[in-house]
């Protein structure tokens, strides 16, 4: 009997639709409905399968459009999966639910089967009849190792199903907090909106998931977003009586506003570069520049003093010439 796992939370929340997706974790297999090759695969019997594979199409479909590879992945017979892959079985064929063999391996949590398929380039982004990808299924289980492997092989982390649910949304609705944290750290969009314009924070707040709200607030969500009803995440919390969630959101908003005011006090003005005080050099002093008129005057004065001293038998001039003599000394100091 099929075990149905619903994306929908039983708790009351803002604007939850009754029309939601369901997930199956395997097939309801009955021997009377299976052909020889499908039956051998379901039993994991390689001894019977190998001769049958030589005489039959290994991609043949049963009444539900299931290939032998679908059955092998659903039942977790990894040796059979490896044999079928080596025998060139088509990896991306889909059953009546539009699910691939990879999806069946993920549903059944058969990690080795998942690895074999991905290593042989099975498409991780195929969507089933409800728009769910393999990563949606992994988020629902939840299986972080499977989700990790899918992302390593190119799974789209923000893929949306027919209701607009991303894998992160699925994890939140099923209250899979460790999976939600994993996806957020892998850069899942914290503001991803479903078809009702509800963000992950709105869904967590409306269901009273205190720990989930606290987690989401660590990844800087936009708390001003509004759903189709015009409700914010805080509105969803308050209208459903989840006051502790409302308090978390309010405190986050207050702190965010405070940080913004501290970072940008008042109106923003472009700062001028700091001015460097300019110090005029002493008169007559130039660093590597051409000689100034003052330099020439000083040099001329120096030369005249020198000539005067020679003509006076190396004696200093008289007191009347003291001023000129002093000027000459200054001139010599800057030559």
C-alpha atoms as a PDB file:
ATOM      1  CA  UNK A   1       0.000   0.000   0.000  1.00  0.00           C
ATOM      2  CA  UNK A   2       1.271   3.423  -0.882  1.00  0.00           C
ATOM      3  CA  UNK A   3       2.364   5.635   1.925  1.00  0.00           C
ATOM      4  CA  UNK A   4       1.305   9.178   1.195  1.00  0.00           C
ATOM      5  CA  UNK A   5       3.309  12.077   2.525  1.00  0.00           C
ATOM      6  CA  UNK A   6       1.604  15.420   2.170  1.00  0.00           C
ATOM      7  CA  UNK A   7       3.339  18.771   1.787  1.00  0.00           C
ATOM      8  CA  UNK A   8       0.412  20.330   3.643  1.00  0.00           C
ATOM      9  CA  UNK A   9       0.655  20.993   7.360  1.00  0.00           C
ATOM     10  CA  UNK A  10      -2.382  20.023   9.364  1.00  0.00           C
ATOM     11  CA  UNK A  11      -2.040  23.180  11.407  1.00  0.00           C
ATOM     12  CA  UNK A  12      -4.022  26.259  10.560  1.00  0.00           C
ATOM     13  CA  UNK A  13      -2.096  28.849   8.613  1.00  0.00           C
ATOM     14  CA  UNK A  14      -2.638  31.883   6.456  1.00  0.00           C
ATOM     15  CA  UNK A  15      -4.417  31.007   3.239  1.00  0.00           C
ATOM     16  CA  UNK A  16      -3.424  27.329   3.008  1.00  0.00           C
ATOM     17  CA  UNK A  17      -4.899  25.558  -0.003  1.00  0.00           C
ATOM     18  CA  UNK A  18      -6.464  22.106   0.312  1.00  0.00           C
ATOM     19  CA  UNK A  19      -5.278  21.316  -3.210  1.00  0.00           C
ATOM     20  CA  UNK A  20      -1.702  20.240  -2.558  1.00  0.00           C
ATOM     21  CA  UNK A  21       0.875  17.739  -3.779  1.00  0.00           C
ATOM     22  CA  UNK A  22       1.410  14.289  -2.272  1.00  0.00           C
ATOM     23  CA  UNK A  23       4.479  12.076  -2.400  1.00  0.00           C
ATOM     24  CA  UNK A  24       4.774   8.299  -2.612  1.00  0.00           C
ATOM     25  CA  UNK A  25       7.771   6.414  -1.297  1.00  0.00           C
ATOM     26  CA  UNK A  26       7.513   3.459  -3.660  1.00  0.00           C
ATOM     27  CA  UNK A  27       5.386   1.232  -5.882  1.00  0.00           C
ATOM     28  CA  UNK A  28       2.642  -1.187  -4.980  1.00  0.00           C
ATOM     29  CA  UNK A  29       4.085  -4.167  -6.832  1.00  0.00           C
ATOM     30  CA  UNK A  30       2.040  -7.272  -7.636  1.00  0.00           C
ATOM     31  CA  UNK A  31       3.713 -10.182  -9.369  1.00  0.00           C
ATOM     32  CA  UNK A  32       0.659 -10.885 -11.553  1.00  0.00           C
ATOM     33  CA  UNK A  33       0.971  -7.389 -13.058  1.00  0.00           C
ATOM     34  CA  UNK A  34       4.667  -7.745 -13.887  1.00  0.00           C
ATOM     35  CA  UNK A  35       6.286  -9.153 -16.985  1.00  0.00           C
ATOM     36  CA  UNK A  36       9.220 -11.549 -16.732  1.00  0.00           C
ATOM     37  CA  UNK A  37      11.945  -8.930 -16.881  1.00  0.00           C
ATOM     38  CA  UNK A  38      10.155  -6.572 -14.457  1.00  0.00           C
ATOM     39  CA  UNK A  39       9.550  -9.486 -12.069  1.00  0.00           C
ATOM     40  CA  UNK A  40      13.199 -10.559 -12.151  1.00  0.00           C
ATOM     41  CA  UNK A  41      14.266  -6.982 -11.427  1.00  0.00           C
ATOM     42  CA  UNK A  42      11.803  -6.598  -8.551  1.00  0.00           C
ATOM     43  CA  UNK A  43      13.280  -9.731  -6.972  1.00  0.00           C
ATOM     44  CA  UNK A  44      16.824  -8.541  -7.518  1.00  0.00           C
ATOM     45  CA  UNK A  45      17.565 -11.755  -9.397  1.00  0.00           C
ATOM     46  CA  UNK A  46      20.503 -11.090 -11.710  1.00  0.00           C
ATOM     47  CA  UNK A  47      20.752 -14.748 -12.668  1.00  0.00           C
ATOM     48  CA  UNK A  48      17.303 -14.587 -14.312  1.00  0.00           C
ATOM     49  CA  UNK A  49      17.688 -11.019 -15.495  1.00  0.00           C
ATOM     50  CA  UNK A  50      20.850 -11.388 -17.575  1.00  0.00           C
ATOM     51  CA  UNK A  51      19.494 -13.907 -20.115  1.00  0.00           C
ATOM     52  CA  UNK A  52      16.173 -12.040 -20.249  1.00  0.00           C
ATOM     53  CA  UNK A  53      18.002  -8.796 -20.986  1.00  0.00           C
ATOM     54  CA  UNK A  54      19.598 -10.400 -24.049  1.00  0.00           C
ATOM     55  CA  UNK A  55      16.227 -11.386 -25.499  1.00  0.00           C
ATOM     56  CA  UNK A  56      14.073  -8.443 -24.359  1.00  0.00           C
ATOM     57  CA  UNK A  57      14.116  -4.674 -24.521  1.00  0.00           C
ATOM     58  CA  UNK A  58      15.479  -3.510 -21.165  1.00  0.00           C
ATOM     59  CA  UNK A  59      13.499  -0.284 -21.598  1.00  0.00           C
ATOM     60  CA  UNK A  60      10.144  -1.982 -22.063  1.00  0.00           C
ATOM     61  CA  UNK A  61       7.225  -0.428 -20.168  1.00  0.00           C
ATOM     62  CA  UNK A  62       4.595  -2.113 -18.036  1.00  0.00           C
ATOM     63  CA  UNK A  63       0.973  -0.986 -17.689  1.00  0.00           C
ATOM     64  CA  UNK A  64       2.017   1.986 -15.536  1.00  0.00           C
ATOM     65  CA  UNK A  65       4.809   3.031 -17.894  1.00  0.00           C
ATOM     66  CA  UNK A  66       7.470   1.741 -15.531  1.00  0.00           C
ATOM     67  CA  UNK A  67      10.769   0.500 -16.926  1.00  0.00           C
ATOM     68  CA  UNK A  68      12.829  -2.249 -15.272  1.00  0.00           C
ATOM     69  CA  UNK A  69      15.103   0.568 -14.057  1.00  0.00           C
ATOM     70  CA  UNK A  70      12.166   2.215 -12.293  1.00  0.00           C
ATOM     71  CA  UNK A  71      11.439  -1.036 -10.468  1.00  0.00           C
ATOM     72  CA  UNK A  72      15.083  -1.634  -9.582  1.00  0.00           C
ATOM     73  CA  UNK A  73      15.444   1.854  -8.115  1.00  0.00           C
ATOM     74  CA  UNK A  74      12.172   1.659  -6.206  1.00  0.00           C
ATOM     75  CA  UNK A  75      13.181  -1.643  -4.630  1.00  0.00           C
ATOM     76  CA  UNK A  76      16.781  -0.591  -3.982  1.00  0.00           C
ATOM     77  CA  UNK A  77      18.554  -3.380  -5.862  1.00  0.00           C
ATOM     78  CA  UNK A  78      21.712  -1.401  -6.627  1.00  0.00           C
ATOM     79  CA  UNK A  79      23.498  -4.310  -8.365  1.00  0.00           C
ATOM     80  CA  UNK A  80      20.560  -4.607 -10.737  1.00  0.00           C
ATOM     81  CA  UNK A  81      20.604  -0.845 -11.269  1.00  0.00           C
ATOM     82  CA  UNK A  82      24.305  -1.006 -12.124  1.00  0.00           C
ATOM     83  CA  UNK A  83      23.696  -3.868 -14.556  1.00  0.00           C
ATOM     84  CA  UNK A  84      20.866  -2.016 -16.302  1.00  0.00           C
ATOM     85  CA  UNK A  85      22.908   1.178 -16.558  1.00  0.00           C
ATOM     86  CA  UNK A  86      25.855  -0.760 -17.992  1.00  0.00           C
ATOM     87  CA  UNK A  87      23.414  -2.347 -20.446  1.00  0.00           C
ATOM     88  CA  UNK A  88      22.540   1.126 -21.727  1.00  0.00           C
ATOM     89  CA  UNK A  89      19.124   1.454 -20.112  1.00  0.00           C
ATOM     90  CA  UNK A  90      17.552   4.864 -20.661  1.00  0.00           C
ATOM     91  CA  UNK A  91      17.871   6.846 -17.444  1.00  0.00           C
ATOM     92  CA  UNK A  92      15.271   9.575 -17.853  1.00  0.00           C
ATOM     93  CA  UNK A  93      12.115   7.743 -18.914  1.00  0.00           C
ATOM     94  CA  UNK A  94       9.123   8.533 -16.715  1.00  0.00           C
ATOM     95  CA  UNK A  95       6.201   6.518 -15.353  1.00  0.00           C
ATOM     96  CA  UNK A  96       2.497   7.413 -15.134  1.00  0.00           C
ATOM     97  CA  UNK A  97       3.262   9.908 -12.365  1.00  0.00           C
ATOM     98  CA  UNK A  98       5.920  11.473 -14.580  1.00  0.00           C
ATOM     99  CA  UNK A  99       8.612  10.258 -12.209  1.00  0.00           C
ATOM    100  CA  UNK A 100      12.032   9.121 -13.305  1.00  0.00           C
ATOM    101  CA  UNK A 101      14.056   6.217 -11.953  1.00  0.00           C
ATOM    102  CA  UNK A 102      16.144   8.768 -10.011  1.00  0.00           C
ATOM    103  CA  UNK A 103      13.035  10.058  -8.264  1.00  0.00           C
ATOM    104  CA  UNK A 104      12.073   6.509  -7.275  1.00  0.00           C
ATOM    105  CA  UNK A 105      15.553   5.921  -5.862  1.00  0.00           C
ATOM    106  CA  UNK A 106      15.323   9.171  -3.875  1.00  0.00           C
ATOM    107  CA  UNK A 107      11.845   8.314  -2.590  1.00  0.00           C
ATOM    108  CA  UNK A 108      13.024   4.918  -1.397  1.00  0.00           C
ATOM    109  CA  UNK A 109      16.151   6.489   0.166  1.00  0.00           C
ATOM    110  CA  UNK A 110      18.363   4.125  -1.813  1.00  0.00           C
ATOM    111  CA  UNK A 111      21.520   6.222  -1.740  1.00  0.00           C
ATOM    112  CA  UNK A 112      23.661   3.829  -3.762  1.00  0.00           C
ATOM    113  CA  UNK A 113      21.083   3.736  -6.556  1.00  0.00           C
ATOM    114  CA  UNK A 114      20.944   7.551  -6.510  1.00  0.00           C
ATOM    115  CA  UNK A 115      24.732   7.710  -6.786  1.00  0.00           C
ATOM    116  CA  UNK A 116      24.888   5.282  -9.728  1.00  0.00           C
ATOM    117  CA  UNK A 117      22.277   7.235 -11.685  1.00  0.00           C
ATOM    118  CA  UNK A 118      23.804  10.661 -11.044  1.00  0.00           C
ATOM    119  CA  UNK A 119      27.299   9.449 -11.877  1.00  0.00           C
ATOM    120  CA  UNK A 120      25.883   8.304 -15.220  1.00  0.00           C
ATOM    121  CA  UNK A 121      24.254  11.689 -15.883  1.00  0.00           C
ATOM    122  CA  UNK A 122      20.627  11.117 -14.934  1.00  0.00           C
ATOM    123  CA  UNK A 123      18.790  14.439 -15.007  1.00  0.00           C
ATOM    124  CA  UNK A 124      18.194  15.722 -11.432  1.00  0.00           C
ATOM    125  CA  UNK A 125      15.837  18.471 -12.561  1.00  0.00           C
ATOM    126  CA  UNK A 126      13.039  16.466 -14.154  1.00  0.00           C
ATOM    127  CA  UNK A 127       9.663  17.282 -12.599  1.00  0.00           C
ATOM    128  CA  UNK A 128       6.825  14.880 -11.871  1.00  0.00           C
ATOM    129  CA  UNK A 129       3.102  15.414 -12.465  1.00  0.00           C
ATOM    130  CA  UNK A 130       2.969  17.838  -9.523  1.00  0.00           C
ATOM    131  CA  UNK A 131       6.087  19.714 -10.562  1.00  0.00           C
ATOM    132  CA  UNK A 132       8.250  18.147  -7.857  1.00  0.00           C
ATOM    133  CA  UNK A 133      11.907  17.436  -8.606  1.00  0.00           C
ATOM    134  CA  UNK A 134      14.155  14.899  -6.910  1.00  0.00           C
ATOM    135  CA  UNK A 135      15.323  17.666  -4.551  1.00  0.00           C
ATOM    136  CA  UNK A 136      11.734  18.335  -3.450  1.00  0.00           C
ATOM    137  CA  UNK A 137      11.466  14.650  -2.589  1.00  0.00           C
ATOM    138  CA  UNK A 138      14.755  14.692  -0.674  1.00  0.00           C
ATOM    139  CA  UNK A 139      13.625  17.766   1.277  1.00  0.00           C
ATOM    140  CA  UNK A 140      10.379  16.022   2.185  1.00  0.00           C
ATOM    141  CA  UNK A 141      11.981  12.794   3.492  1.00  0.00           C
ATOM    142  CA  UNK A 142      14.291  14.520   4.657  1.00  0.00           C
ATOM    143  CA  UNK A 143      17.689  13.262   3.480  1.00  0.00           C
ATOM    144  CA  UNK A 144      20.567  15.715   3.621  1.00  0.00           C
ATOM    145  CA  UNK A 145      23.079  13.249   2.078  1.00  0.00           C
ATOM    146  CA  UNK A 146      20.773  12.763  -0.922  1.00  0.00           C
ATOM    147  CA  UNK A 147      20.144  16.506  -1.214  1.00  0.00           C
ATOM    148  CA  UNK A 148      23.891  17.123  -1.082  1.00  0.00           C
ATOM    149  CA  UNK A 149      24.523  14.642  -3.878  1.00  0.00           C
ATOM    150  CA  UNK A 150      21.747  16.118  -6.012  1.00  0.00           C
ATOM    151  CA  UNK A 151      23.109  19.642  -5.624  1.00  0.00           C
ATOM    152  CA  UNK A 152      26.608  18.429  -6.500  1.00  0.00           C
ATOM    153  CA  UNK A 153      25.175  17.134  -9.772  1.00  0.00           C
ATOM    154  CA  UNK A 154      23.351  20.296 -10.764  1.00  0.00           C
ATOM    155  CA  UNK A 155      19.972  20.128  -9.038  1.00  0.00           C
ATOM    156  CA  UNK A 156      18.210  23.512  -9.056  1.00  0.00           C
ATOM    157  CA  UNK A 157      17.910  24.569  -5.432  1.00  0.00           C
ATOM    158  CA  UNK A 158      15.045  27.023  -6.034  1.00  0.00           C
ATOM    159  CA  UNK A 159      12.987  24.905  -8.464  1.00  0.00           C
ATOM    160  CA  UNK A 160       9.257  25.392  -7.882  1.00  0.00           C
ATOM    161  CA  UNK A 161       6.501  22.838  -8.196  1.00  0.00           C
ATOM    162  CA  UNK A 162       2.968  23.551  -9.455  1.00  0.00           C
ATOM    163  CA  UNK A 163       2.061  25.300  -6.219  1.00  0.00           C
ATOM    164  CA  UNK A 164       5.176  27.425  -6.297  1.00  0.00           C
ATOM    165  CA  UNK A 165       6.858  25.467  -3.499  1.00  0.00           C
ATOM    166  CA  UNK A 166      10.650  25.374  -3.591  1.00  0.00           C
ATOM    167  CA  UNK A 167      12.500  22.574  -1.745  1.00  0.00           C
ATOM    168  CA  UNK A 168      13.023  25.038   1.134  1.00  0.00           C
ATOM    169  CA  UNK A 169       9.263  25.592   1.307  1.00  0.00           C
ATOM    170  CA  UNK A 170       8.701  21.840   1.450  1.00  0.00           C
ATOM    171  CA  UNK A 171      11.176  21.503   4.326  1.00  0.00           C
ATOM    172  CA  UNK A 172       9.423  24.306   6.218  1.00  0.00           C
ATOM    173  CA  UNK A 173       5.913  22.966   5.702  1.00  0.00           C
ATOM    174  CA  UNK A 174       7.036  19.564   6.961  1.00  0.00           C
ATOM    175  CA  UNK A 175       8.960  21.230   9.827  1.00  0.00           C
ATOM    176  CA  UNK A 176      12.274  19.733   8.699  1.00  0.00           C
ATOM    177  CA  UNK A 177      14.472  22.293  10.435  1.00  0.00           C
ATOM    178  CA  UNK A 178      17.830  20.634   9.756  1.00  0.00           C
ATOM    179  CA  UNK A 179      16.999  20.312   6.069  1.00  0.00           C
ATOM    180  CA  UNK A 180      15.847  23.936   5.983  1.00  0.00           C
ATOM    181  CA  UNK A 181      19.100  25.066   7.559  1.00  0.00           C
ATOM    182  CA  UNK A 182      21.093  22.970   5.089  1.00  0.00           C
ATOM    183  CA  UNK A 183      19.277  24.457   2.093  1.00  0.00           C
ATOM    184  CA  UNK A 184      19.647  28.007   3.421  1.00  0.00           C
ATOM    185  CA  UNK A 185      23.379  27.507   3.869  1.00  0.00           C
ATOM    186  CA  UNK A 186      23.479  26.234   0.287  1.00  0.00           C
ATOM    187  CA  UNK A 187      22.021  29.596  -0.803  1.00  0.00           C
ATOM    188  CA  UNK A 188      18.344  28.717  -1.153  1.00  0.00           C
ATOM    189  CA  UNK A 189      16.236  31.844  -1.664  1.00  0.00           C
ATOM    190  CA  UNK A 190      14.906  32.845   1.765  1.00  0.00           C
ATOM    191  CA  UNK A 191      12.313  35.062   0.040  1.00  0.00           C
ATOM    192  CA  UNK A 192      11.023  32.503  -2.471  1.00  0.00           C
ATOM    193  CA  UNK A 193       7.285  33.053  -3.004  1.00  0.00           C
ATOM    194  CA  UNK A 194       4.668  30.419  -3.759  1.00  0.00           C
ATOM    195  CA  UNK A 195       1.632  31.033  -5.984  1.00  0.00           C
ATOM    196  CA  UNK A 196      -0.156  32.711  -3.070  1.00  0.00           C
ATOM    197  CA  UNK A 197       2.822  35.079  -2.710  1.00  0.00           C
ATOM    198  CA  UNK A 198       3.732  33.540   0.644  1.00  0.00           C
ATOM    199  CA  UNK A 199       7.355  33.539   1.723  1.00  0.00           C
ATOM    200  CA  UNK A 200       8.994  30.806   3.809  1.00  0.00           C
ATOM    201  CA  UNK A 201       8.836  33.125   6.820  1.00  0.00           C
ATOM    202  CA  UNK A 202       5.102  33.656   6.366  1.00  0.00           C
ATOM    203  CA  UNK A 203       4.477  29.920   6.249  1.00  0.00           C
ATOM    204  CA  UNK A 204       6.568  29.249   9.350  1.00  0.00           C
ATOM    205  CA  UNK A 205       4.997  32.149  11.245  1.00  0.00           C
ATOM    206  CA  UNK A 206       1.449  31.166  10.338  1.00  0.00           C
ATOM    207  CA  UNK A 207       2.059  27.635  11.633  1.00  0.00           C
ATOM    208  CA  UNK A 208       3.683  28.817  14.856  1.00  0.00           C
ATOM    209  CA  UNK A 209       7.046  27.196  14.091  1.00  0.00           C
ATOM    210  CA  UNK A 210       9.075  29.212  16.586  1.00  0.00           C
ATOM    211  CA  UNK A 211      12.426  27.510  15.925  1.00  0.00           C
ATOM    212  CA  UNK A 212      11.917  27.699  12.165  1.00  0.00           C
ATOM    213  CA  UNK A 213      11.099  31.416  12.337  1.00  0.00           C
ATOM    214  CA  UNK A 214      14.201  31.966  14.446  1.00  0.00           C
ATOM    215  CA  UNK A 215      16.296  30.098  11.871  1.00  0.00           C
ATOM    216  CA  UNK A 216      14.888  32.020   8.904  1.00  0.00           C
ATOM    217  CA  UNK A 217      15.554  35.351  10.589  1.00  0.00           C
ATOM    218  CA  UNK A 218      19.254  34.485  10.649  1.00  0.00           C
ATOM    219  CA  UNK A 219      19.276  34.617   6.840  1.00  0.00           C
ATOM    220  CA  UNK A 220      18.013  38.182   6.448  1.00  0.00           C
ATOM    221  CA  UNK A 221      14.498  37.649   5.056  1.00  0.00           C
ATOM    222  CA  UNK A 222      12.362  40.543   3.828  1.00  0.00           C
ATOM    223  CA  UNK A 223       9.726  40.943   6.567  1.00  0.00           C
ATOM    224  CA  UNK A 224       7.853  43.578   4.557  1.00  0.00           C
ATOM    225  CA  UNK A 225       6.704  41.131   1.869  1.00  0.00           C
ATOM    226  CA  UNK A 226       2.924  40.655   1.629  1.00  0.00           C
ATOM    227  CA  UNK A 227       0.899  37.714   0.353  1.00  0.00           C
ATOM    228  CA  UNK A 228      -2.190  37.951  -1.838  1.00  0.00           C
ATOM    229  CA  UNK A 229      -4.234  38.920   1.201  1.00  0.00           C
ATOM    230  CA  UNK A 230      -1.898  41.770   2.005  1.00  0.00           C
ATOM    231  CA  UNK A 231      -0.538  40.006   5.094  1.00  0.00           C
ATOM    232  CA  UNK A 232       3.088  40.244   6.192  1.00  0.00           C
ATOM    233  CA  UNK A 233       4.836  37.466   8.116  1.00  0.00           C
ATOM    234  CA  UNK A 234       4.027  39.286  11.355  1.00  0.00           C
ATOM    235  CA  UNK A 235       0.358  39.468  10.344  1.00  0.00           C
ATOM    236  CA  UNK A 236       0.351  35.711   9.685  1.00  0.00           C
ATOM    237  CA  UNK A 237       1.766  35.078  13.145  1.00  0.00           C
ATOM    238  CA  UNK A 238      -0.633  37.424  14.944  1.00  0.00           C
ATOM    239  CA  UNK A 239      -3.791  36.387  13.101  1.00  0.00           C
ATOM    240  CA  UNK A 240      -3.110  32.754  13.955  1.00  0.00           C
ATOM    241  CA  UNK A 241      -2.327  33.477  17.600  1.00  0.00           C
ATOM    242  CA  UNK A 242       1.390  32.757  17.446  1.00  0.00           C
ATOM    243  CA  UNK A 243       2.578  35.697  19.515  1.00  0.00           C
ATOM    244  CA  UNK A 244       6.057  34.331  20.222  1.00  0.00           C
ATOM    245  CA  UNK A 245       6.701  34.188  16.464  1.00  0.00           C
ATOM    246  CA  UNK A 246       5.322  37.711  16.121  1.00  0.00           C
ATOM    247  CA  UNK A 247       7.681  38.903  18.843  1.00  0.00           C
ATOM    248  CA  UNK A 248      10.695  37.377  17.079  1.00  0.00           C
ATOM    249  CA  UNK A 249       9.779  39.127  13.840  1.00  0.00           C
ATOM    250  CA  UNK A 250       9.131  42.451  15.554  1.00  0.00           C
ATOM    251  CA  UNK A 251      12.441  42.323  17.428  1.00  0.00           C
ATOM    252  CA  UNK A 252      14.242  41.456  14.201  1.00  0.00           C
ATOM    253  CA  UNK A 253      12.637  44.431  12.448  1.00  0.00           C
ATOM    254  CA  UNK A 254      13.581  46.784  15.292  1.00  0.00           C
ATOM    255  CA  UNK A 255      17.215  45.635  15.305  1.00  0.00           C
ATOM    256  CA  UNK A 256      17.411  45.917  11.541  1.00  0.00           C
ATOM    257  CA  UNK A 257      16.073  49.472  11.627  1.00  0.00           C
ATOM    258  CA  UNK A 258      18.539  50.354  14.371  1.00  0.00           C
ATOM    259  CA  UNK A 259      21.476  48.948  12.393  1.00  0.00           C
ATOM    260  CA  UNK A 260      20.410  50.943   9.364  1.00  0.00           C
ATOM    261  CA  UNK A 261      20.181  54.173  11.376  1.00  0.00           C
ATOM    262  CA  UNK A 262      23.619  53.596  12.889  1.00  0.00           C
ATOM    263  CA  UNK A 263      25.153  52.818   9.506  1.00  0.00           C
ATOM    264  CA  UNK A 264      23.550  55.817   7.781  1.00  0.00           C
ATOM    265  CA  UNK A 265      22.896  58.586  10.330  1.00  0.00           C
ATOM    266  CA  UNK A 266      21.022  61.532   8.800  1.00  0.00           C
ATOM    267  CA  UNK A 267      21.266  62.305   5.130  1.00  0.00           C
ATOM    268  CA  UNK A 268      24.164  60.864   3.253  1.00  0.00           C
ATOM    269  CA  UNK A 269      26.862  63.341   2.291  1.00  0.00           C
ATOM    270  CA  UNK A 270      29.933  62.604   0.291  1.00  0.00           C
ATOM    271  CA  UNK A 271      32.992  63.139   2.406  1.00  0.00           C
ATOM    272  CA  UNK A 272      35.748  65.406   1.143  1.00  0.00           C
ATOM    273  CA  UNK A 273      39.248  63.959   1.157  1.00  0.00           C
ATOM    274  CA  UNK A 274      41.282  65.228   4.132  1.00  0.00           C
ATOM    275  CA  UNK A 275      43.179  68.394   3.329  1.00  0.00           C
ATOM    276  CA  UNK A 276      46.951  68.297   3.626  1.00  0.00           C
ATOM    277  CA  UNK A 277      48.383  71.537   5.076  1.00  0.00           C
ATOM    278  CA  UNK A 278      50.722  73.269   2.676  1.00  0.00           C
ATOM    279  CA  UNK A 279      53.954  74.637   4.126  1.00  0.00           C
ATOM    280  CA  UNK A 280      55.764  77.266   2.105  1.00  0.00           C
ATOM    281  CA  UNK A 281      59.448  76.521   1.885  1.00  0.00           C
ATOM    282  CA  UNK A 282      61.810  79.075   3.320  1.00  0.00           C
ATOM    283  CA  UNK A 283      62.603  81.938   0.980  1.00  0.00           C
ATOM    284  CA  UNK A 284      65.049  80.963  -1.669  1.00  0.00           C
ATOM    285  CA  UNK A 285      64.623  77.175  -1.160  1.00  0.00           C
ATOM    286  CA  UNK A 286      63.440  74.974  -4.020  1.00  0.00           C
ATOM    287  CA  UNK A 287      63.311  71.168  -4.174  1.00  0.00           C
ATOM    288  CA  UNK A 288      64.578  70.282  -7.582  1.00  0.00           C
ATOM    289  CA  UNK A 289      62.839  73.229  -9.231  1.00  0.00           C
ATOM    290  CA  UNK A 290      64.338  75.949 -11.387  1.00  0.00           C
ATOM    291  CA  UNK A 291      66.160  78.744  -9.697  1.00  0.00           C
ATOM    292  CA  UNK A 292      63.982  81.666  -8.656  1.00  0.00           C
ATOM    293  CA  UNK A 293      64.692  85.337  -8.961  1.00  0.00           C
ATOM    294  CA  UNK A 294      65.485  85.318  -5.255  1.00  0.00           C
ATOM    295  CA  UNK A 295      68.011  82.524  -5.840  1.00  0.00           C
ATOM    296  CA  UNK A 296      69.708  84.583  -8.534  1.00  0.00           C
ATOM    297  CA  UNK A 297      69.752  87.639  -6.331  1.00  0.00           C
ATOM    298  CA  UNK A 298      71.277  85.680  -3.467  1.00  0.00           C
ATOM    299  CA  UNK A 299      73.887  84.132  -5.770  1.00  0.00           C
ATOM    300  CA  UNK A 300      74.800  87.521  -7.211  1.00  0.00           C
ATOM    301  CA  UNK A 301      75.075  88.943  -3.744  1.00  0.00           C
ATOM    302  CA  UNK A 302      77.251  86.035  -2.656  1.00  0.00           C
ATOM    303  CA  UNK A 303      79.544  86.501  -5.617  1.00  0.00           C
ATOM    304  CA  UNK A 304      79.868  90.240  -4.927  1.00  0.00           C
ATOM    305  CA  UNK A 305      80.732  89.560  -1.310  1.00  0.00           C
ATOM    306  CA  UNK A 306      83.307  87.010  -2.404  1.00  0.00           C
ATOM    307  CA  UNK A 307      84.919  89.510  -4.768  1.00  0.00           C
ATOM    308  CA  UNK A 308      84.873  92.162  -2.085  1.00  0.00           C
ATOM    309  CA  UNK A 309      86.603  89.888   0.411  1.00  0.00           C
ATOM    310  CA  UNK A 310      89.351  89.060  -2.102  1.00  0.00           C
ATOM    311  CA  UNK A 311      90.035  92.680  -2.801  1.00  0.00           C
ATOM    312  CA  UNK A 312      90.388  93.418   0.893  1.00  0.00           C
ATOM    313  CA  UNK A 313      93.150  90.866   1.471  1.00  0.00           C
ATOM    314  CA  UNK A 314      90.658  88.344   2.889  1.00  0.00           C
ATOM    315  CA  UNK A 315      89.418  90.767   5.554  1.00  0.00           C
ATOM    316  CA  UNK A 316      85.777  91.227   6.413  1.00  0.00           C
ATOM    317  CA  UNK A 317      84.132  94.428   5.172  1.00  0.00           C
ATOM    318  CA  UNK A 318      83.563  97.402   7.382  1.00  0.00           C
ATOM    319  CA  UNK A 319      80.637  97.825   9.718  1.00  0.00           C
ATOM    320  CA  UNK A 320      78.809  99.755   7.034  1.00  0.00           C
ATOM    321  CA  UNK A 321      78.714  96.585   4.943  1.00  0.00           C
ATOM    322  CA  UNK A 322      77.466  94.279   7.763  1.00  0.00           C
ATOM    323  CA  UNK A 323      73.968  94.013   6.326  1.00  0.00           C
ATOM    324  CA  UNK A 324      75.256  92.973   2.914  1.00  0.00           C
ATOM    325  CA  UNK A 325      77.711  90.593   4.544  1.00  0.00           C
ATOM    326  CA  UNK A 326      74.908  88.893   6.487  1.00  0.00           C
ATOM    327  CA  UNK A 327      72.852  88.561   3.333  1.00  0.00           C
ATOM    328  CA  UNK A 328      75.833  86.956   1.668  1.00  0.00           C
ATOM    329  CA  UNK A 329      76.066  84.345   4.415  1.00  0.00           C
ATOM    330  CA  UNK A 330      72.400  83.516   4.028  1.00  0.00           C
ATOM    331  CA  UNK A 331      72.885  83.176   0.304  1.00  0.00           C
ATOM    332  CA  UNK A 332      75.777  80.785   0.781  1.00  0.00           C
ATOM    333  CA  UNK A 333      73.710  78.597   3.110  1.00  0.00           C
ATOM    334  CA  UNK A 334      71.225  77.793   0.296  1.00  0.00           C
ATOM    335  CA  UNK A 335      73.706  77.311  -2.541  1.00  0.00           C
END
